[in-house]
Protein backbone atom coordinates (compact mmCIF):
# COMPACT_ATOMS: atom_id res chain seq x y z
CA MET A 1 272.81 73.23 162.57
CA THR A 2 272.50 74.85 159.14
CA PHE A 3 274.77 77.76 160.11
CA LEU A 4 277.35 75.34 161.52
CA SER A 5 277.38 73.20 158.37
CA ASP A 6 277.63 76.29 156.17
CA THR A 7 280.53 77.57 158.27
CA LEU A 8 282.32 74.23 157.92
CA ILE A 9 281.86 74.35 154.15
CA MET A 10 283.26 77.88 153.96
CA LEU A 11 286.15 76.98 156.27
CA PHE A 12 287.01 73.93 154.18
CA SER A 13 286.95 75.98 150.96
CA GLN A 14 289.16 78.66 152.52
CA VAL A 15 291.68 76.02 153.57
CA LEU A 16 291.73 74.68 150.01
CA PHE A 17 292.16 78.18 148.58
CA PHE A 18 294.94 78.92 151.08
CA ALA A 19 296.79 75.72 150.13
CA GLY A 20 296.31 76.50 146.44
CA GLY A 21 297.71 80.00 146.91
CA TRP A 22 300.70 78.62 148.81
CA VAL A 23 301.47 76.07 146.08
CA PHE A 24 300.99 78.68 143.35
CA PHE A 25 303.37 81.07 145.12
CA VAL A 26 306.08 78.46 145.64
CA LYS A 27 305.79 76.44 142.42
CA GLN A 28 304.77 79.06 139.86
CA LEU A 29 305.56 82.64 140.90
CA PHE A 30 308.93 82.07 142.55
CA LYS A 31 309.91 78.61 141.40
CA ASP A 32 313.41 79.77 140.39
CA TYR A 33 314.08 81.81 143.54
CA GLU A 34 314.53 80.99 147.19
CA ILE A 35 311.98 82.81 149.34
CA HIS A 36 312.96 82.77 152.97
CA GLN A 37 310.25 85.18 154.15
CA THR A 38 307.49 82.94 155.49
CA VAL A 39 305.34 85.97 156.31
CA VAL A 40 305.28 86.91 152.64
CA GLN A 41 303.95 83.48 151.73
CA LEU A 42 301.35 83.64 154.49
CA LEU A 43 300.12 87.08 153.46
CA PHE A 44 299.93 86.12 149.79
CA SER A 45 298.10 82.87 150.53
CA ALA A 46 295.68 84.61 152.92
CA THR A 47 294.92 87.36 150.39
CA PHE A 48 294.46 84.76 147.66
CA SER A 49 292.15 82.73 149.88
CA LEU A 50 290.00 85.75 150.81
CA SER A 51 289.72 86.86 147.19
CA CYS A 52 288.64 83.40 146.06
CA THR A 53 286.17 83.27 148.95
CA MET A 54 284.55 86.51 147.77
CA PHE A 55 284.19 85.06 144.30
CA GLU A 56 282.82 81.83 145.76
CA LEU A 57 280.18 83.72 147.74
CA ILE A 58 279.06 85.51 144.57
CA ILE A 59 278.60 82.14 142.85
CA PHE A 60 276.73 80.79 145.91
CA GLU A 61 274.46 83.86 145.82
CA ILE A 62 273.62 83.22 142.16
CA LEU A 63 273.02 79.51 142.66
CA GLY A 64 271.15 79.96 145.95
CA PHE A 65 273.55 77.62 147.73
CA LEU A 66 273.83 77.85 151.54
CA ASP A 67 271.42 79.73 153.76
CA SER A 68 270.91 83.45 153.07
CA SER A 69 271.83 84.44 156.63
CA SER A 70 274.98 82.33 156.44
CA ARG A 71 275.99 83.92 153.16
CA TYR A 72 275.40 87.41 154.60
CA PHE A 73 277.49 86.64 157.70
CA HIS A 74 280.41 85.18 155.74
CA TRP A 75 280.19 88.01 153.22
CA LYS A 76 280.59 90.64 155.95
CA LEU A 77 283.27 88.58 157.68
CA GLY A 78 285.21 88.23 154.42
CA LEU A 79 284.96 91.96 153.70
CA TYR A 80 286.22 92.84 157.18
CA MET A 81 289.11 90.41 156.85
CA MET A 82 289.96 91.75 153.41
CA LEU A 83 289.93 95.35 154.62
CA ILE A 84 292.13 94.48 157.61
CA THR A 85 294.57 92.76 155.26
CA VAL A 86 294.65 95.61 152.74
CA ILE A 87 294.64 98.56 155.16
CA VAL A 88 296.55 97.19 158.16
CA LEU A 89 298.63 94.08 157.51
CA LEU A 90 300.04 94.70 154.03
CA PRO A 91 301.08 98.37 154.52
CA PHE A 92 302.53 97.60 157.94
CA TYR A 93 304.63 94.68 156.75
CA ILE A 94 305.78 96.50 153.59
CA ALA A 95 306.98 99.43 155.68
CA TYR A 96 308.66 97.10 158.17
CA TYR A 97 310.39 95.18 155.38
CA VAL A 98 311.66 98.43 153.82
CA PHE A 99 313.03 99.82 157.08
CA SER A 100 314.56 96.51 158.16
CA ASN A 101 316.55 96.29 154.91
CA ILE A 102 318.14 99.70 155.43
CA ARG A 103 321.65 99.14 156.77
CA PHE A 104 321.95 102.10 159.10
CA VAL A 105 318.53 101.45 160.72
CA LYS A 106 318.57 99.16 163.73
CA ARG A 107 315.98 96.42 164.16
CA SER A 108 314.44 98.12 167.20
CA MET A 109 314.22 101.44 165.38
CA ALA A 110 312.68 99.75 162.34
CA PHE A 111 309.64 98.72 164.37
CA TRP A 112 308.95 102.25 165.63
CA LEU A 113 309.57 103.76 162.21
CA THR A 114 307.11 101.26 160.79
CA ILE A 115 304.44 102.32 163.29
CA LEU A 116 305.09 105.98 162.51
CA SER A 117 304.89 105.42 158.75
CA TRP A 118 301.70 103.37 159.16
CA ILE A 119 300.08 106.19 161.17
CA ILE A 120 301.02 108.66 158.42
CA PHE A 121 299.61 106.27 155.84
CA MET A 122 296.33 105.96 157.76
CA TYR A 123 296.06 109.74 158.06
CA PHE A 124 296.39 110.29 154.31
CA PHE A 125 294.23 107.25 153.63
CA TRP A 126 291.45 108.79 155.68
CA LYS A 127 291.92 112.31 154.32
CA ILE A 128 291.58 111.05 150.75
CA GLY A 129 287.88 110.45 151.36
CA ASP A 130 287.16 114.05 152.44
CA PRO A 131 286.63 115.52 148.92
CA PHE A 132 284.30 112.66 147.98
CA PRO A 133 280.72 112.07 149.19
CA ILE A 134 281.75 109.09 151.30
CA LEU A 135 280.86 110.16 154.83
CA SER A 136 277.35 109.36 155.95
CA PRO A 137 275.70 109.64 159.39
CA LYS A 138 274.31 106.13 158.95
CA HIS A 139 277.76 104.56 158.95
CA GLY A 140 280.34 104.69 161.68
CA ILE A 141 284.06 105.27 161.39
CA PHE A 142 284.90 101.56 161.43
CA SER A 143 282.13 100.48 159.08
CA ILE A 144 282.67 98.53 155.89
CA GLU A 145 281.40 101.41 153.77
CA GLN A 146 284.12 103.77 155.02
CA GLY A 147 286.92 101.35 154.17
CA ILE A 148 285.49 100.05 150.90
CA SER A 149 284.83 103.55 149.57
CA ARG A 150 288.38 104.74 150.21
CA VAL A 151 289.92 101.54 148.89
CA GLY A 152 287.77 101.92 145.78
CA VAL A 153 288.88 105.51 145.22
CA ILE A 154 292.56 104.65 145.68
CA GLY A 155 292.24 101.47 143.63
CA VAL A 156 290.57 103.17 140.67
CA THR A 157 293.14 105.99 140.75
CA LEU A 158 296.09 103.60 140.84
CA MET A 159 294.61 101.44 138.09
CA ALA A 160 294.15 104.52 135.90
CA LEU A 161 297.77 105.60 136.51
CA LEU A 162 299.14 102.12 135.85
CA SER A 163 296.97 101.73 132.76
CA GLY A 164 298.20 105.03 131.33
CA PHE A 165 301.81 104.16 132.11
CA GLY A 166 301.44 100.73 130.52
CA ALA A 167 299.76 102.14 127.41
CA VAL A 168 302.76 104.43 126.85
CA ASN A 169 305.59 102.22 128.09
CA CYS A 170 304.57 98.93 126.45
CA PRO A 171 304.80 100.08 122.80
CA TYR A 172 308.03 101.93 123.60
CA SER A 173 309.54 98.80 125.18
CA TYR A 174 308.41 96.21 122.63
CA MET A 175 308.62 98.28 119.44
CA SER A 176 312.11 96.89 118.82
CA TYR A 177 310.63 93.43 118.15
CA PHE A 178 308.77 94.82 115.13
CA VAL A 179 311.60 96.99 113.75
CA TRP A 180 313.53 95.66 110.76
CA TYR A 181 317.19 96.53 111.10
CA VAL A 182 318.72 97.72 107.77
CA THR A 183 322.28 96.63 107.04
CA ASP A 184 324.76 97.83 104.41
CA LYS A 185 324.08 94.74 102.31
CA ASP A 186 320.38 95.56 102.25
CA ILE A 187 321.15 99.09 101.08
CA GLU A 188 323.48 97.82 98.32
CA SER A 189 320.90 95.28 97.18
CA LEU A 190 318.19 97.93 96.97
CA GLU A 191 320.53 100.25 95.07
CA ARG A 192 321.23 97.51 92.50
CA LYS A 193 317.50 96.87 92.11
CA LEU A 194 316.94 100.60 91.64
CA MET A 195 319.61 100.81 88.93
CA GLN A 196 318.15 97.78 87.14
CA THR A 197 314.72 99.37 87.25
CA MET A 198 316.09 102.65 85.87
CA ASP A 199 317.85 100.79 83.00
CA MET A 200 314.63 98.95 82.22
CA ILE A 201 312.70 102.22 82.11
CA ILE A 202 315.31 103.81 79.81
CA ASN A 203 315.23 100.82 77.43
CA LYS A 204 311.45 100.92 77.26
CA LYS A 205 311.50 104.65 76.54
CA LYS A 206 313.98 104.01 73.70
CA ARG A 207 311.72 101.34 72.24
CA ILE A 208 308.72 103.66 72.48
CA SER A 209 310.68 106.43 70.69
CA LEU A 210 311.83 104.07 67.90
CA ALA A 211 308.29 102.72 67.47
CA ALA A 212 306.91 106.25 67.25
CA ARG A 213 309.52 107.22 64.63
CA ASP A 214 308.77 104.13 62.54
CA MET A 215 305.05 104.86 62.68
CA LEU A 216 305.68 108.45 61.61
CA GLN A 217 307.86 107.39 58.66
CA SER A 218 305.35 104.80 57.48
CA GLY A 219 302.58 107.42 57.61
CA VAL A 220 304.56 109.88 55.40
CA ALA A 221 305.29 107.15 52.84
CA ASP A 222 301.61 106.21 52.66
CA GLN A 223 300.69 109.85 52.09
CA SER A 224 303.27 110.22 49.22
CA ILE A 225 302.14 107.02 47.48
CA GLY A 226 298.51 108.04 47.79
CA GLY A 227 299.30 111.45 46.21
CA PHE A 228 301.12 109.96 43.17
CA TRP A 229 298.33 107.51 42.34
CA GLY A 230 295.79 110.28 42.78
CA MET A 231 297.57 112.42 40.13
CA LEU A 232 297.60 109.52 37.64
CA LYS A 233 293.93 108.83 38.26
CA ASN A 234 292.99 112.48 37.68
CA ALA A 235 295.03 112.62 34.42
CA ALA A 236 293.38 109.47 33.08
CA THR A 237 289.94 110.81 33.87
CA LEU A 238 290.59 114.11 32.04
CA ARG A 239 291.93 112.29 28.97
CA SER A 240 288.90 110.01 28.71
CA GLU A 241 286.55 113.00 28.93
CA SER A 242 288.39 114.81 26.12
CA ILE A 243 288.15 111.76 23.83
CA ASP A 244 284.40 111.42 24.45
CA SER A 245 283.79 115.02 23.65
């Protein structure tokens, strides 16, 4: 009875997440466009629901909510469903959508080309894991570990590439918002300010030169006056000494 009640709780939450993903897709992501591809909405809502379910199970694991065996079962079920969606459904439908929109490709040929491209994708997807220590005799070919490890390697590689591209492209794209465009009026205004500053500097230099000349002239006059009074003082002193003697 506990497993059944836990399953009903998880099913109810997945239905809520699916409905929330559907509303978010229609009302927020593409509210100004008409999306006629119902499969696209279903795949987005299913992926959104599975992702939220994984996060919900992590919270349940921390809080100790639901039975441990129920959480383990739904965790494995969610991982399998997520891997099927990421490895099988999404690549297959993307390839089918690409081939079906090519004009010279017939609808019947698009299906077979999609299968061929998906087989090629699966071959390279599997061969990517050969250089890495992913294979283990404990796990089979269709185990969760095989899929999660390869998805992790591809995901980390793509995130690194996208992060590097964004780090270079974003400043190049948005640098124009921080650039101040210089017009001819700005140049003329700065030239006038420069000329006013130069005139001010010249005037101050003239004032400094005149002040220095005045100080020099006043110093010479003081020296000449001091010399004349010194001669008179010396003559008076000599005369008084001669009278005393």
